[in-house]
Amino acid sequence: MSKLPRGLSGKEVVKALERAGFYIKRRKGSHIVLRRDNPFAQVVVPDHKSIDMGTLSSILDGADLSVEDFIKLIK
């Protein structure tokens, strides 16, 4: 099992999720809500300079993505 990448910004996470079929539903303050219609999933990504490891893990769980799949999306 691969380790979660460190030091990713919120914008980098959003770009990777968009490659996985998510789109920006709305934004409020520093939080971006992304949604995928089929299969349905919705996640909230904080638009911070660096996303904490626990937050990133929770985002991937909500998006139903494995760490390996996510790493492929950010490259």
C-alpha atoms as a PDB file:
ATOM      1  CA  MET A   1       0.000   0.000   0.000  1.00  0.00           C
ATOM      2  CA  SER A   2       1.345   3.400  -0.950  1.00  0.00           C
ATOM      3  CA  LYS A   3       1.676   6.255   1.480  1.00  0.00           C
ATOM      4  CA  LEU A   4      -0.412   9.385   1.154  1.00  0.00           C
ATOM      5  CA  PRO A   5       1.486  12.191  -0.537  1.00  0.00           C
ATOM      6  CA  ARG A   6       2.485  15.057   1.755  1.00  0.00           C
ATOM      7  CA  GLY A   7       2.275  18.774   1.191  1.00  0.00           C
ATOM      8  CA  LEU A   8      -0.478  18.849  -1.422  1.00  0.00           C
ATOM      9  CA  SER A   9      -2.433  22.072  -1.698  1.00  0.00           C
ATOM     10  CA  GLY A  10      -6.209  22.225  -1.918  1.00  0.00           C
ATOM     11  CA  LYS A  11      -5.982  23.260  -5.572  1.00  0.00           C
ATOM     12  CA  GLU A  12      -3.852  20.213  -6.407  1.00  0.00           C
ATOM     13  CA  VAL A  13      -6.374  17.911  -4.712  1.00  0.00           C
ATOM     14  CA  VAL A  14      -9.255  19.565  -6.586  1.00  0.00           C
ATOM     15  CA  LYS A  15      -7.466  19.100  -9.943  1.00  0.00           C
ATOM     16  CA  ALA A  16      -6.870  15.412  -9.201  1.00  0.00           C
ATOM     17  CA  LEU A  17     -10.506  14.890  -8.207  1.00  0.00           C
ATOM     18  CA  GLU A  18     -11.678  16.629 -11.379  1.00  0.00           C
ATOM     19  CA  ARG A  19      -9.650  14.071 -13.352  1.00  0.00           C
ATOM     20  CA  ALA A  20     -11.615  11.386 -11.463  1.00  0.00           C
ATOM     21  CA  GLY A  21     -14.944  12.786 -12.682  1.00  0.00           C
ATOM     22  CA  PHE A  22     -15.757  15.306  -9.941  1.00  0.00           C
ATOM     23  CA  TYR A  23     -16.899  18.844 -10.647  1.00  0.00           C
ATOM     24  CA  ILE A  24     -17.070  21.921  -8.425  1.00  0.00           C
ATOM     25  CA  LYS A  25     -20.600  22.221  -7.059  1.00  0.00           C
ATOM     26  CA  ARG A  26     -20.080  25.310  -4.924  1.00  0.00           C
ATOM     27  CA  ARG A  27     -17.568  27.218  -2.869  1.00  0.00           C
ATOM     28  CA  LYS A  28     -18.002  28.970   0.462  1.00  0.00           C
ATOM     29  CA  GLY A  29     -15.052  30.744   1.988  1.00  0.00           C
ATOM     30  CA  SER A  30     -12.065  28.448   1.851  1.00  0.00           C
ATOM     31  CA  HIS A  31     -14.050  25.234   1.316  1.00  0.00           C
ATOM     32  CA  ILE A  32     -14.765  23.749  -2.101  1.00  0.00           C
ATOM     33  CA  VAL A  33     -17.588  21.214  -2.492  1.00  0.00           C
ATOM     34  CA  LEU A  34     -17.035  18.728  -5.295  1.00  0.00           C
ATOM     35  CA  ARG A  35     -19.584  16.243  -6.591  1.00  0.00           C
ATOM     36  CA  ARG A  36     -19.582  13.196  -8.844  1.00  0.00           C
ATOM     37  CA  ASP A  37     -22.939  12.046 -10.162  1.00  0.00           C
ATOM     38  CA  ASN A  38     -22.263   8.450 -11.179  1.00  0.00           C
ATOM     39  CA  PRO A  39     -21.560   6.814  -8.790  1.00  0.00           C
ATOM     40  CA  PHE A  40     -22.702   9.579  -6.471  1.00  0.00           C
ATOM     41  CA  ALA A  41     -20.097  11.047  -4.152  1.00  0.00           C
ATOM     42  CA  GLN A  42     -19.611  14.466  -2.607  1.00  0.00           C
ATOM     43  CA  VAL A  43     -16.524  15.728  -0.787  1.00  0.00           C
ATOM     44  CA  VAL A  44     -15.383  18.997   0.751  1.00  0.00           C
ATOM     45  CA  VAL A  45     -11.819  20.133   0.078  1.00  0.00           C
ATOM     46  CA  PRO A  46     -10.317  22.990   2.090  1.00  0.00           C
ATOM     47  CA  ASP A  47      -8.478  25.456  -0.146  1.00  0.00           C
ATOM     48  CA  HIS A  48      -5.366  25.585   2.028  1.00  0.00           C
ATOM     49  CA  LYS A  49      -1.684  25.734   1.116  1.00  0.00           C
ATOM     50  CA  SER A  50      -1.182  22.280   2.623  1.00  0.00           C
ATOM     51  CA  ILE A  51      -3.832  19.636   3.337  1.00  0.00           C
ATOM     52  CA  ASP A  52      -3.371  17.629   6.554  1.00  0.00           C
ATOM     53  CA  MET A  53      -2.882  13.877   6.176  1.00  0.00           C
ATOM     54  CA  GLY A  54      -6.058  12.999   8.102  1.00  0.00           C
ATOM     55  CA  THR A  55      -8.112  15.416   6.016  1.00  0.00           C
ATOM     56  CA  LEU A  56      -6.732  13.985   2.775  1.00  0.00           C
ATOM     57  CA  SER A  57      -7.466  10.455   3.965  1.00  0.00           C
ATOM     58  CA  SER A  58     -11.058  11.452   4.755  1.00  0.00           C
ATOM     59  CA  ILE A  59     -11.448  13.095   1.331  1.00  0.00           C
ATOM     60  CA  LEU A  60     -10.236   9.927  -0.409  1.00  0.00           C
ATOM     61  CA  ASP A  61     -12.623   7.779   1.657  1.00  0.00           C
ATOM     62  CA  GLY A  62     -15.539  10.030   0.718  1.00  0.00           C
ATOM     63  CA  ALA A  63     -14.496   9.980  -2.944  1.00  0.00           C
ATOM     64  CA  ASP A  64     -14.128   6.178  -2.842  1.00  0.00           C
ATOM     65  CA  LEU A  65     -10.564   6.395  -4.187  1.00  0.00           C
ATOM     66  CA  SER A  66      -7.598   4.293  -3.130  1.00  0.00           C
ATOM     67  CA  VAL A  67      -4.272   5.927  -2.391  1.00  0.00           C
ATOM     68  CA  GLU A  68      -2.781   4.281  -5.494  1.00  0.00           C
ATOM     69  CA  ASP A  69      -5.562   5.637  -7.736  1.00  0.00           C
ATOM     70  CA  PHE A  70      -5.159   9.112  -6.238  1.00  0.00           C
ATOM     71  CA  ILE A  71      -1.393   9.097  -6.783  1.00  0.00           C
ATOM     72  CA  LYS A  72      -1.975   8.273 -10.472  1.00  0.00           C
ATOM     73  CA  LEU A  73      -4.370  11.222 -10.724  1.00  0.00           C
ATOM     74  CA  ILE A  74      -1.946  13.785  -9.282  1.00  0.00           C
ATOM     75  CA  LYS A  75       0.873  12.879 -11.688  1.00  0.00           C
END
